[in-house]
């Protein structure tokens, strides 16, 4: 229910069509998306589009030194890199259930 105006009925239809993530919504063909969101009015569709368009696209990579063995219950260093595809112009999160403005974090 993170996507605005996604009712239990829309979520059930998403489940039936194997639409599991915001990225799956982004990848829908126009006709499929229109059919899925047929119960929403123009204002609601605009809010869904705003949410989906602002959803972050992150790439995650990691480095792990495998020359030393990994042992249970012993610490092991891992370097994690998170990159975002686009430059941010607006870092306000789309969160209609939050009582005020909220920046991404």
PDB file of N, CA and C in Angstrom:
ATOM      1  N   UNK A   1       0.822  -1.199   0.000  1.00  0.00           N
ATOM      2  CA  UNK A   1       0.000   0.000   0.000  1.00  0.00           C
ATOM      3  C   UNK A   1       0.857   1.250   0.000  1.00  0.00           C
ATOM      4  N   UNK A   2       2.077   1.126  -0.432  1.00  0.00           N
ATOM      5  CA  UNK A   2       2.972   2.278  -0.476  1.00  0.00           C
ATOM      6  C   UNK A   2       2.623   3.211  -1.629  1.00  0.00           C
ATOM      7  N   UNK A   3       2.122   2.672  -2.713  1.00  0.00           N
ATOM      8  CA  UNK A   3       1.764   3.490  -3.868  1.00  0.00           C
ATOM      9  C   UNK A   3       0.413   4.146  -3.580  1.00  0.00           C
ATOM     10  N   UNK A   4       0.320   5.472  -3.746  1.00  0.00           N
ATOM     11  CA  UNK A   4      -0.942   6.160  -3.446  1.00  0.00           C
ATOM     12  C   UNK A   4      -2.108   5.576  -4.247  1.00  0.00           C
ATOM     13  N   UNK A   5      -3.241   5.439  -3.570  1.00  0.00           N
ATOM     14  CA  UNK A   5      -4.510   5.010  -4.170  1.00  0.00           C
ATOM     15  C   UNK A   5      -4.521   3.558  -4.639  1.00  0.00           C
ATOM     16  N   UNK A   6      -3.519   2.786  -4.278  1.00  0.00           N
ATOM     17  CA  UNK A   6      -3.554   1.365  -4.604  1.00  0.00           C
ATOM     18  C   UNK A   6      -4.410   0.664  -3.552  1.00  0.00           C
ATOM     19  N   UNK A   7      -5.608   0.311  -3.948  1.00  0.00           N
ATOM     20  CA  UNK A   7      -6.564  -0.347  -3.066  1.00  0.00           C
ATOM     21  C   UNK A   7      -6.254  -1.838  -2.984  1.00  0.00           C
ATOM     22  N   UNK A   8      -6.975  -2.515  -2.106  1.00  0.00           N
ATOM     23  CA  UNK A   8      -6.817  -3.968  -2.010  1.00  0.00           C
ATOM     24  C   UNK A   8      -7.134  -4.640  -3.347  1.00  0.00           C
ATOM     25  N   UNK A   9      -8.115  -4.087  -4.064  1.00  0.00           N
ATOM     26  CA  UNK A   9      -8.490  -4.662  -5.359  1.00  0.00           C
ATOM     27  C   UNK A   9      -7.360  -4.500  -6.382  1.00  0.00           C
ATOM     28  N   UNK A  10      -6.762  -3.308  -6.428  1.00  0.00           N
ATOM     29  CA  UNK A  10      -5.645  -3.081  -7.358  1.00  0.00           C
ATOM     30  C   UNK A  10      -4.464  -3.966  -6.975  1.00  0.00           C
ATOM     31  N   UNK A  11      -4.196  -4.073  -5.676  1.00  0.00           N
ATOM     32  CA  UNK A  11      -3.085  -4.911  -5.224  1.00  0.00           C
ATOM     33  C   UNK A  11      -3.331  -6.383  -5.558  1.00  0.00           C
ATOM     34  N   UNK A  12      -4.585  -6.824  -5.448  1.00  0.00           N
ATOM     35  CA  UNK A  12      -4.912  -8.214  -5.809  1.00  0.00           C
ATOM     36  C   UNK A  12      -4.668  -8.444  -7.296  1.00  0.00           C
ATOM     37  N   UNK A  13      -5.060  -7.473  -8.103  1.00  0.00           N
ATOM     38  CA  UNK A  13      -4.839  -7.591  -9.548  1.00  0.00           C
ATOM     39  C   UNK A  13      -3.339  -7.587  -9.869  1.00  0.00           C
ATOM     40  N   UNK A  14      -2.582  -6.768  -9.151  1.00  0.00           N
ATOM     41  CA  UNK A  14      -1.118  -6.766  -9.326  1.00  0.00           C
ATOM     42  C   UNK A  14      -0.550  -8.146  -9.015  1.00  0.00           C
ATOM     43  N   UNK A  15      -1.011  -8.725  -7.930  1.00  0.00           N
ATOM     44  CA  UNK A  15      -0.528 -10.051  -7.537  1.00  0.00           C
ATOM     45  C   UNK A  15      -0.852 -11.091  -8.610  1.00  0.00           C
ATOM     46  N   UNK A  16      -2.070 -11.032  -9.141  1.00  0.00           N
ATOM     47  CA  UNK A  16      -2.477 -11.979 -10.180  1.00  0.00           C
ATOM     48  C   UNK A  16      -1.633 -11.829 -11.442  1.00  0.00           C
ATOM     49  N   UNK A  17      -1.207 -10.595 -11.733  1.00  0.00           N
ATOM     50  CA  UNK A  17      -0.431 -10.327 -12.945  1.00  0.00           C
ATOM     51  C   UNK A  17       1.074 -10.331 -12.687  1.00  0.00           C
ATOM     52  N   UNK A  18       1.463 -10.773 -11.492  1.00  0.00           N
ATOM     53  CA  UNK A  18       2.882 -10.865 -11.119  1.00  0.00           C
ATOM     54  C   UNK A  18       3.579  -9.497 -11.142  1.00  0.00           C
ATOM     55  N   UNK A  19       2.836  -8.444 -10.802  1.00  0.00           N
ATOM     56  CA  UNK A  19       3.401  -7.100 -10.658  1.00  0.00           C
ATOM     57  C   UNK A  19       3.750  -6.957  -9.189  1.00  0.00           C
ATOM     58  N   UNK A  20       5.056  -7.007  -8.878  1.00  0.00           N
ATOM     59  CA  UNK A  20       5.482  -7.091  -7.484  1.00  0.00           C
ATOM     60  C   UNK A  20       6.190  -5.845  -6.977  1.00  0.00           C
ATOM     61  N   UNK A  21       6.729  -5.032  -7.870  1.00  0.00           N
ATOM     62  CA  UNK A  21       7.517  -3.880  -7.436  1.00  0.00           C
ATOM     63  C   UNK A  21       7.104  -2.632  -8.203  1.00  0.00           C
ATOM     64  N   UNK A  22       7.571  -1.492  -7.716  1.00  0.00           N
ATOM     65  CA  UNK A  22       7.344  -0.231  -8.429  1.00  0.00           C
ATOM     66  C   UNK A  22       7.991  -0.307  -9.810  1.00  0.00           C
ATOM     67  N   UNK A  23       9.110  -0.999  -9.914  1.00  0.00           N
ATOM     68  CA  UNK A  23       9.787  -1.145 -11.206  1.00  0.00           C
ATOM     69  C   UNK A  23       8.911  -1.914 -12.198  1.00  0.00           C
ATOM     70  N   UNK A  24       8.133  -2.876 -11.692  1.00  0.00           N
ATOM     71  CA  UNK A  24       7.197  -3.602 -12.557  1.00  0.00           C
ATOM     72  C   UNK A  24       6.107  -2.667 -13.076  1.00  0.00           C
ATOM     73  N   UNK A  25       5.656  -1.748 -12.240  1.00  0.00           N
ATOM     74  CA  UNK A  25       4.655  -0.764 -12.670  1.00  0.00           C
ATOM     75  C   UNK A  25       5.255   0.127 -13.751  1.00  0.00           C
ATOM     76  N   UNK A  26       6.506   0.552 -13.550  1.00  0.00           N
ATOM     77  CA  UNK A  26       7.189   1.398 -14.537  1.00  0.00           C
ATOM     78  C   UNK A  26       7.290   0.699 -15.891  1.00  0.00           C
ATOM     79  N   UNK A  27       7.465  -0.612 -15.866  1.00  0.00           N
ATOM     80  CA  UNK A  27       7.710  -1.370 -17.096  1.00  0.00           C
ATOM     81  C   UNK A  27       6.430  -1.757 -17.840  1.00  0.00           C
ATOM     82  N   UNK A  28       5.272  -1.489 -17.257  1.00  0.00           N
ATOM     83  CA  UNK A  28       4.018  -1.870 -17.907  1.00  0.00           C
ATOM     84  C   UNK A  28       3.819  -1.120 -19.216  1.00  0.00           C
ATOM     85  N   UNK A  29       3.255  -1.808 -20.190  1.00  0.00           N
ATOM     86  CA  UNK A  29       2.830  -1.149 -21.425  1.00  0.00           C
ATOM     87  C   UNK A  29       1.682  -0.206 -21.079  1.00  0.00           C
ATOM     88  N   UNK A  30       1.515   0.853 -21.864  1.00  0.00           N
ATOM     89  CA  UNK A  30       0.483   1.853 -21.579  1.00  0.00           C
ATOM     90  C   UNK A  30      -0.899   1.227 -21.415  1.00  0.00           C
ATOM     91  N   UNK A  31      -1.267   0.339 -22.315  1.00  0.00           N
ATOM     92  CA  UNK A  31      -2.597  -0.282 -22.251  1.00  0.00           C
ATOM     93  C   UNK A  31      -2.770  -1.120 -20.985  1.00  0.00           C
ATOM     94  N   UNK A  32      -1.723  -1.853 -20.604  1.00  0.00           N
ATOM     95  CA  UNK A  32      -1.781  -2.675 -19.391  1.00  0.00           C
ATOM     96  C   UNK A  32      -1.881  -1.801 -18.145  1.00  0.00           C
ATOM     97  N   UNK A  33      -1.124  -0.713 -18.130  1.00  0.00           N
ATOM     98  CA  UNK A  33      -1.159   0.211 -16.994  1.00  0.00           C
ATOM     99  C   UNK A  33      -2.535   0.869 -16.885  1.00  0.00           C
ATOM    100  N   UNK A  34      -3.070   1.305 -18.027  1.00  0.00           N
ATOM    101  CA  UNK A  34      -4.392   1.940 -18.029  1.00  0.00           C
ATOM    102  C   UNK A  34      -5.463   0.977 -17.523  1.00  0.00           C
ATOM    103  N   UNK A  35      -5.365  -0.284 -17.914  1.00  0.00           N
ATOM    104  CA  UNK A  35      -6.329  -1.290 -17.460  1.00  0.00           C
ATOM    105  C   UNK A  35      -6.202  -1.516 -15.955  1.00  0.00           C
ATOM    106  N   UNK A  36      -4.979  -1.603 -15.455  1.00  0.00           N
ATOM    107  CA  UNK A  36      -4.748  -1.819 -14.029  1.00  0.00           C
ATOM    108  C   UNK A  36      -5.303  -0.662 -13.197  1.00  0.00           C
ATOM    109  N   UNK A  37      -5.140   0.563 -13.694  1.00  0.00           N
ATOM    110  CA  UNK A  37      -5.516   1.760 -12.928  1.00  0.00           C
ATOM    111  C   UNK A  37      -6.849   2.353 -13.381  1.00  0.00           C
ATOM    112  N   UNK A  38      -7.671   1.562 -14.034  1.00  0.00           N
ATOM    113  CA  UNK A  38      -8.921   2.048 -14.628  1.00  0.00           C
ATOM    114  C   UNK A  38      -9.874   2.675 -13.617  1.00  0.00           C
ATOM    115  N   UNK A  39      -9.787   2.323 -12.340  1.00  0.00           N
ATOM    116  CA  UNK A  39     -10.718   2.853 -11.337  1.00  0.00           C
ATOM    117  C   UNK A  39     -10.284   4.201 -10.772  1.00  0.00           C
ATOM    118  N   UNK A  40      -9.101   4.674 -11.141  1.00  0.00           N
ATOM    119  CA  UNK A  40      -8.592   5.932 -10.589  1.00  0.00           C
ATOM    120  C   UNK A  40      -8.978   7.105 -11.472  1.00  0.00           C
ATOM    121  N   UNK A  41      -9.238   8.262 -10.831  1.00  0.00           N
ATOM    122  CA  UNK A  41      -9.539   9.471 -11.601  1.00  0.00           C
ATOM    123  C   UNK A  41      -8.234  10.173 -11.992  1.00  0.00           C
ATOM    124  N   UNK A  42      -8.338  11.257 -12.744  1.00  0.00           N
ATOM    125  CA  UNK A  42      -7.148  11.952 -13.265  1.00  0.00           C
ATOM    126  C   UNK A  42      -6.224  12.438 -12.147  1.00  0.00           C
ATOM    127  N   UNK A  43      -6.793  12.992 -11.080  1.00  0.00           N
ATOM    128  CA  UNK A  43      -5.972  13.485  -9.969  1.00  0.00           C
ATOM    129  C   UNK A  43      -5.224  12.331  -9.305  1.00  0.00           C
ATOM    130  N   UNK A  44      -5.922  11.228  -9.082  1.00  0.00           N
ATOM    131  CA  UNK A  44      -5.291  10.060  -8.472  1.00  0.00           C
ATOM    132  C   UNK A  44      -4.202   9.488  -9.378  1.00  0.00           C
ATOM    133  N   UNK A  45      -4.478   9.421 -10.679  1.00  0.00           N
ATOM    134  CA  UNK A  45      -3.462   8.952 -11.629  1.00  0.00           C
ATOM    135  C   UNK A  45      -2.229   9.841 -11.587  1.00  0.00           C
ATOM    136  N   UNK A  46      -2.438  11.146 -11.441  1.00  0.00           N
ATOM    137  CA  UNK A  46      -1.319  12.080 -11.342  1.00  0.00           C
ATOM    138  C   UNK A  46      -0.463  11.813 -10.119  1.00  0.00           C
ATOM    139  N   UNK A  47      -1.104  11.501  -8.998  1.00  0.00           N
ATOM    140  CA  UNK A  47      -0.363  11.197  -7.763  1.00  0.00           C
ATOM    141  C   UNK A  47       0.402   9.879  -7.888  1.00  0.00           C
ATOM    142  N   UNK A  48      -0.204   8.897  -8.539  1.00  0.00           N
ATOM    143  CA  UNK A  48       0.495   7.624  -8.772  1.00  0.00           C
ATOM    144  C   UNK A  48       1.708   7.869  -9.664  1.00  0.00           C
ATOM    145  N   UNK A  49       1.521   8.650 -10.739  1.00  0.00           N
ATOM    146  CA  UNK A  49       2.631   8.954 -11.654  1.00  0.00           C
ATOM    147  C   UNK A  49       3.739   9.699 -10.924  1.00  0.00           C
ATOM    148  N   UNK A  50       3.375  10.650 -10.077  1.00  0.00           N
ATOM    149  CA  UNK A  50       4.384  11.399  -9.310  1.00  0.00           C
ATOM    150  C   UNK A  50       5.190  10.454  -8.428  1.00  0.00           C
ATOM    151  N   UNK A  51       4.506   9.546  -7.739  1.00  0.00           N
ATOM    152  CA  UNK A  51       5.183   8.591  -6.869  1.00  0.00           C
ATOM    153  C   UNK A  51       6.131   7.693  -7.664  1.00  0.00           C
ATOM    154  N   UNK A  52       5.620   7.120  -8.748  1.00  0.00           N
ATOM    155  CA  UNK A  52       6.415   6.187  -9.554  1.00  0.00           C
ATOM    156  C   UNK A  52       7.612   6.900 -10.181  1.00  0.00           C
ATOM    157  N   UNK A  53       7.408   8.113 -10.687  1.00  0.00           N
ATOM    158  CA  UNK A  53       8.493   8.854 -11.333  1.00  0.00           C
ATOM    159  C   UNK A  53       9.574   9.283 -10.351  1.00  0.00           C
ATOM    160  N   UNK A  54       9.221   9.475  -9.088  1.00  0.00           N
ATOM    161  CA  UNK A  54      10.207   9.885  -8.088  1.00  0.00           C
ATOM    162  C   UNK A  54      10.836   8.699  -7.363  1.00  0.00           C
ATOM    163  N   UNK A  55      10.352   7.505  -7.632  1.00  0.00           N
ATOM    164  CA  UNK A  55      10.879   6.325  -6.956  1.00  0.00           C
ATOM    165  C   UNK A  55      12.343   6.144  -7.352  1.00  0.00           C
ATOM    166  N   UNK A  56      13.231   6.004  -6.378  1.00  0.00           N
ATOM    167  CA  UNK A  56      14.662   5.953  -6.712  1.00  0.00           C
ATOM    168  C   UNK A  56      15.068   4.666  -7.425  1.00  0.00           C
ATOM    169  N   UNK A  57      15.942   4.833  -8.411  1.00  0.00           N
ATOM    170  CA  UNK A  57      16.524   3.695  -9.108  1.00  0.00           C
ATOM    171  C   UNK A  57      17.964   3.577  -8.624  1.00  0.00           C
ATOM    172  N   UNK A  58      18.223   2.625  -7.766  1.00  0.00           N
ATOM    173  CA  UNK A  58      19.531   2.472  -7.141  1.00  0.00           C
ATOM    174  C   UNK A  58      20.243   1.238  -7.675  1.00  0.00           C
ATOM    175  N   UNK A  59      21.547   1.379  -7.846  1.00  0.00           N
ATOM    176  CA  UNK A  59      22.398   0.244  -8.215  1.00  0.00           C
ATOM    177  C   UNK A  59      23.278  -0.068  -7.011  1.00  0.00           C
ATOM    178  N   UNK A  60      23.358  -1.314  -6.654  1.00  0.00           N
ATOM    179  CA  UNK A  60      24.147  -1.734  -5.508  1.00  0.00           C
ATOM    180  C   UNK A  60      25.241  -2.681  -5.980  1.00  0.00           C
ATOM    181  N   UNK A  61      26.462  -2.425  -5.523  1.00  0.00           N
ATOM    182  CA  UNK A  61      27.562  -3.345  -5.813  1.00  0.00           C
ATOM    183  C   UNK A  61      28.346  -3.568  -4.520  1.00  0.00           C
ATOM    184  N   UNK A  62      29.122  -4.616  -4.496  1.00  0.00           N
ATOM    185  CA  UNK A  62      29.889  -4.909  -3.288  1.00  0.00           C
ATOM    186  C   UNK A  62      31.214  -5.563  -3.653  1.00  0.00           C
ATOM    187  N   UNK A  63      32.146  -5.446  -2.728  1.00  0.00           N
ATOM    188  CA  UNK A  63      33.447  -6.104  -2.862  1.00  0.00           C
ATOM    189  C   UNK A  63      33.697  -6.901  -1.592  1.00  0.00           C
ATOM    190  N   UNK A  64      34.132  -8.122  -1.785  1.00  0.00           N
ATOM    191  CA  UNK A  64      34.404  -9.010  -0.668  1.00  0.00           C
ATOM    192  C   UNK A  64      35.699  -9.749  -0.963  1.00  0.00           C
ATOM    193  N   UNK A  65      36.652  -9.638  -0.056  1.00  0.00           N
ATOM    194  CA  UNK A  65      37.939 -10.308  -0.229  1.00  0.00           C
ATOM    195  C   UNK A  65      37.765 -11.791   0.084  1.00  0.00           C
ATOM    196  N   UNK A  66      37.849 -12.607  -0.951  1.00  0.00           N
ATOM    197  CA  UNK A  66      37.652 -14.046  -0.767  1.00  0.00           C
ATOM    198  C   UNK A  66      38.967 -14.812  -0.635  1.00  0.00           C
ATOM    199  N   UNK A  67      40.074 -14.069  -0.594  1.00  0.00           N
ATOM    200  CA  UNK A  67      41.362 -14.751  -0.429  1.00  0.00           C
ATOM    201  C   UNK A  67      41.503 -15.305   0.981  1.00  0.00           C
ATOM    202  N   UNK A  68      40.901 -14.613   1.937  1.00  0.00           N
ATOM    203  CA  UNK A  68      40.870 -15.121   3.313  1.00  0.00           C
ATOM    204  C   UNK A  68      39.557 -15.871   3.497  1.00  0.00           C
ATOM    205  N   UNK A  69      39.590 -17.007   4.155  1.00  0.00           N
ATOM    206  CA  UNK A  69      38.348 -17.776   4.328  1.00  0.00           C
ATOM    207  C   UNK A  69      37.329 -17.033   5.200  1.00  0.00           C
ATOM    208  N   UNK A  70      36.074 -17.314   4.939  1.00  0.00           N
ATOM    209  CA  UNK A  70      34.989 -16.764   5.750  1.00  0.00           C
ATOM    210  C   UNK A  70      34.633 -17.817   6.790  1.00  0.00           C
ATOM    211  N   UNK A  71      34.638 -17.391   8.046  1.00  0.00           N
ATOM    212  CA  UNK A  71      34.356 -18.317   9.147  1.00  0.00           C
ATOM    213  C   UNK A  71      33.134 -17.827   9.921  1.00  0.00           C
ATOM    214  N   UNK A  72      32.337 -18.763  10.361  1.00  0.00           N
ATOM    215  CA  UNK A  72      31.148 -18.428  11.149  1.00  0.00           C
ATOM    216  C   UNK A  72      31.555 -17.692  12.416  1.00  0.00           C
ATOM    217  N   UNK A  73      30.763 -16.702  12.782  1.00  0.00           N
ATOM    218  CA  UNK A  73      30.935 -15.918  14.011  1.00  0.00           C
ATOM    219  C   UNK A  73      32.220 -15.109  14.049  1.00  0.00           C
ATOM    220  N   UNK A  74      32.830 -14.856  12.890  1.00  0.00           N
ATOM    221  CA  UNK A  74      33.996 -13.980  12.813  1.00  0.00           C
ATOM    222  C   UNK A  74      33.674 -12.828  11.875  1.00  0.00           C
ATOM    223  N   UNK A  75      34.127 -11.617  12.219  1.00  0.00           N
ATOM    224  CA  UNK A  75      33.844 -10.469  11.346  1.00  0.00           C
ATOM    225  C   UNK A  75      34.545 -10.598   9.995  1.00  0.00           C
ATOM    226  N   UNK A  76      33.933 -10.019   8.981  1.00  0.00           N
ATOM    227  CA  UNK A  76      34.502 -10.006   7.629  1.00  0.00           C
ATOM    228  C   UNK A  76      34.146  -8.666   7.009  1.00  0.00           C
ATOM    229  N   UNK A  77      35.129  -7.990   6.427  1.00  0.00           N
ATOM    230  CA  UNK A  77      34.888  -6.692   5.800  1.00  0.00           C
ATOM    231  C   UNK A  77      34.238  -6.873   4.436  1.00  0.00           C
ATOM    232  N   UNK A  78      33.272  -6.014   4.174  1.00  0.00           N
ATOM    233  CA  UNK A  78      32.625  -5.960   2.868  1.00  0.00           C
ATOM    234  C   UNK A  78      32.447  -4.481   2.525  1.00  0.00           C
ATOM    235  N   UNK A  79      32.791  -4.119   1.298  1.00  0.00           N
ATOM    236  CA  UNK A  79      32.635  -2.741   0.831  1.00  0.00           C
ATOM    237  C   UNK A  79      31.390  -2.695  -0.047  1.00  0.00           C
ATOM    238  N   UNK A  80      30.450  -1.839   0.335  1.00  0.00           N
ATOM    239  CA  UNK A  80      29.190  -1.717  -0.406  1.00  0.00           C
ATOM    240  C   UNK A  80      29.121  -0.340  -1.038  1.00  0.00           C
ATOM    241  N   UNK A  81      28.752  -0.299  -2.314  1.00  0.00           N
ATOM    242  CA  UNK A  81      28.610   0.959  -3.041  1.00  0.00           C
ATOM    243  C   UNK A  81      27.175   1.059  -3.552  1.00  0.00           C
ATOM    244  N   UNK A  82      26.509   2.180  -3.225  1.00  0.00           N
ATOM    245  CA  UNK A  82      25.149   2.429  -3.696  1.00  0.00           C
ATOM    246  C   UNK A  82      25.188   3.654  -4.586  1.00  0.00           C
ATOM    247  N   UNK A  83      24.708   3.504  -5.821  1.00  0.00           N
ATOM    248  CA  UNK A  83      24.687   4.617  -6.774  1.00  0.00           C
ATOM    249  C   UNK A  83      23.270   4.855  -7.247  1.00  0.00           C
ATOM    250  N   UNK A  84      22.988   6.123  -7.475  1.00  0.00           N
ATOM    251  CA  UNK A  84      21.688   6.508  -8.004  1.00  0.00           C
ATOM    252  C   UNK A  84      21.891   6.969  -9.434  1.00  0.00           C
ATOM    253  N   UNK A  85      20.992   6.584 -10.335  1.00  0.00           N
ATOM    254  CA  UNK A  85      21.143   6.897 -11.751  1.00  0.00           C
ATOM    255  C   UNK A  85      21.091   8.382 -12.067  1.00  0.00           C
ATOM    256  N   UNK A  86      20.220   9.110 -11.416  1.00  0.00           N
ATOM    257  CA  UNK A  86      19.977  10.489 -11.814  1.00  0.00           C
ATOM    258  C   UNK A  86      20.405  11.480 -10.733  1.00  0.00           C
ATOM    259  N   UNK A  87      20.621  12.721 -11.161  1.00  0.00           N
ATOM    260  CA  UNK A  87      20.882  13.803 -10.226  1.00  0.00           C
ATOM    261  C   UNK A  87      19.562  14.237  -9.610  1.00  0.00           C
ATOM    262  N   UNK A  88      19.586  14.508  -8.336  1.00  0.00           N
ATOM    263  CA  UNK A  88      18.362  14.917  -7.652  1.00  0.00           C
ATOM    264  C   UNK A  88      18.127  16.409  -7.789  1.00  0.00           C
ATOM    265  N   UNK A  89      16.925  16.773  -8.213  1.00  0.00           N
ATOM    266  CA  UNK A  89      16.518  18.170  -8.202  1.00  0.00           C
ATOM    267  C   UNK A  89      15.638  18.424  -6.987  1.00  0.00           C
ATOM    268  N   UNK A  90      14.878  17.424  -6.614  1.00  0.00           N
ATOM    269  CA  UNK A  90      13.926  17.535  -5.519  1.00  0.00           C
ATOM    270  C   UNK A  90      14.048  16.270  -4.689  1.00  0.00           C
ATOM    271  N   UNK A  91      14.382  16.416  -3.415  1.00  0.00           N
ATOM    272  CA  UNK A  91      14.557  15.224  -2.584  1.00  0.00           C
ATOM    273  C   UNK A  91      13.368  14.979  -1.660  1.00  0.00           C
ATOM    274  N   UNK A  92      12.251  15.649  -1.924  1.00  0.00           N
ATOM    275  CA  UNK A  92      11.056  15.390  -1.131  1.00  0.00           C
ATOM    276  C   UNK A  92      10.479  14.035  -1.514  1.00  0.00           C
ATOM    277  N   UNK A  93      10.232  13.221  -0.511  1.00  0.00           N
ATOM    278  CA  UNK A  93       9.641  11.903  -0.741  1.00  0.00           C
ATOM    279  C   UNK A  93       8.140  12.050  -0.965  1.00  0.00           C
ATOM    280  N   UNK A  94       7.588  11.179  -1.777  1.00  0.00           N
ATOM    281  CA  UNK A  94       6.141  11.134  -1.974  1.00  0.00           C
ATOM    282  C   UNK A  94       5.596  10.165  -0.934  1.00  0.00           C
ATOM    283  N   UNK A  95       4.992  10.720   0.102  1.00  0.00           N
ATOM    284  CA  UNK A  95       4.474   9.887   1.195  1.00  0.00           C
ATOM    285  C   UNK A  95       3.195  10.526   1.733  1.00  0.00           C
ATOM    286  N   UNK A  96       2.081  10.278   1.054  1.00  0.00           N
ATOM    287  CA  UNK A  96       0.833  10.945   1.397  1.00  0.00           C
ATOM    288  C   UNK A  96       0.321  10.645   2.804  1.00  0.00           C
ATOM    289  N   UNK A  97       0.754   9.570   3.415  1.00  0.00           N
ATOM    290  CA  UNK A  97       0.281   9.231   4.765  1.00  0.00           C
ATOM    291  C   UNK A  97       1.138   9.865   5.852  1.00  0.00           C
ATOM    292  N   UNK A  98       2.244  10.480   5.478  1.00  0.00           N
ATOM    293  CA  UNK A  98       3.099  11.176   6.437  1.00  0.00           C
ATOM    294  C   UNK A  98       2.490  12.555   6.674  1.00  0.00           C
ATOM    295  N   UNK A  99       2.436  13.025   7.927  1.00  0.00           N
ATOM    296  CA  UNK A  99       1.709  14.264   8.221  1.00  0.00           C
ATOM    297  C   UNK A  99       2.352  15.552   7.714  1.00  0.00           C
ATOM    298  N   UNK A 100       3.566  15.522   7.228  1.00  0.00           N
ATOM    299  CA  UNK A 100       4.224  16.733   6.738  1.00  0.00           C
ATOM    300  C   UNK A 100       5.162  16.401   5.599  1.00  0.00           C
ATOM    301  N   UNK A 101       5.964  17.411   5.196  1.00  0.00           N
ATOM    302  CA  UNK A 101       6.959  17.161   4.150  1.00  0.00           C
ATOM    303  C   UNK A 101       8.050  16.255   4.688  1.00  0.00           C
ATOM    304  N   UNK A 102       8.543  15.369   3.851  1.00  0.00           N
ATOM    305  CA  UNK A 102       9.609  14.461   4.269  1.00  0.00           C
ATOM    306  C   UNK A 102      10.621  14.336   3.149  1.00  0.00           C
ATOM    307  N   UNK A 103      11.886  14.535   3.490  1.00  0.00           N
ATOM    308  CA  UNK A 103      12.965  14.370   2.516  1.00  0.00           C
ATOM    309  C   UNK A 103      13.356  12.894   2.456  1.00  0.00           C
ATOM    310  N   UNK A 104      13.845  12.484   1.285  1.00  0.00           N
ATOM    311  CA  UNK A 104      14.364  11.122   1.165  1.00  0.00           C
ATOM    312  C   UNK A 104      15.535  10.964   2.115  1.00  0.00           C
ATOM    313  N   UNK A 105      15.718   9.766   2.593  1.00  0.00           N
ATOM    314  CA  UNK A 105      16.893   9.489   3.426  1.00  0.00           C
ATOM    315  C   UNK A 105      17.352   8.079   3.221  1.00  0.00           C
TER     316      UNK A 105
END
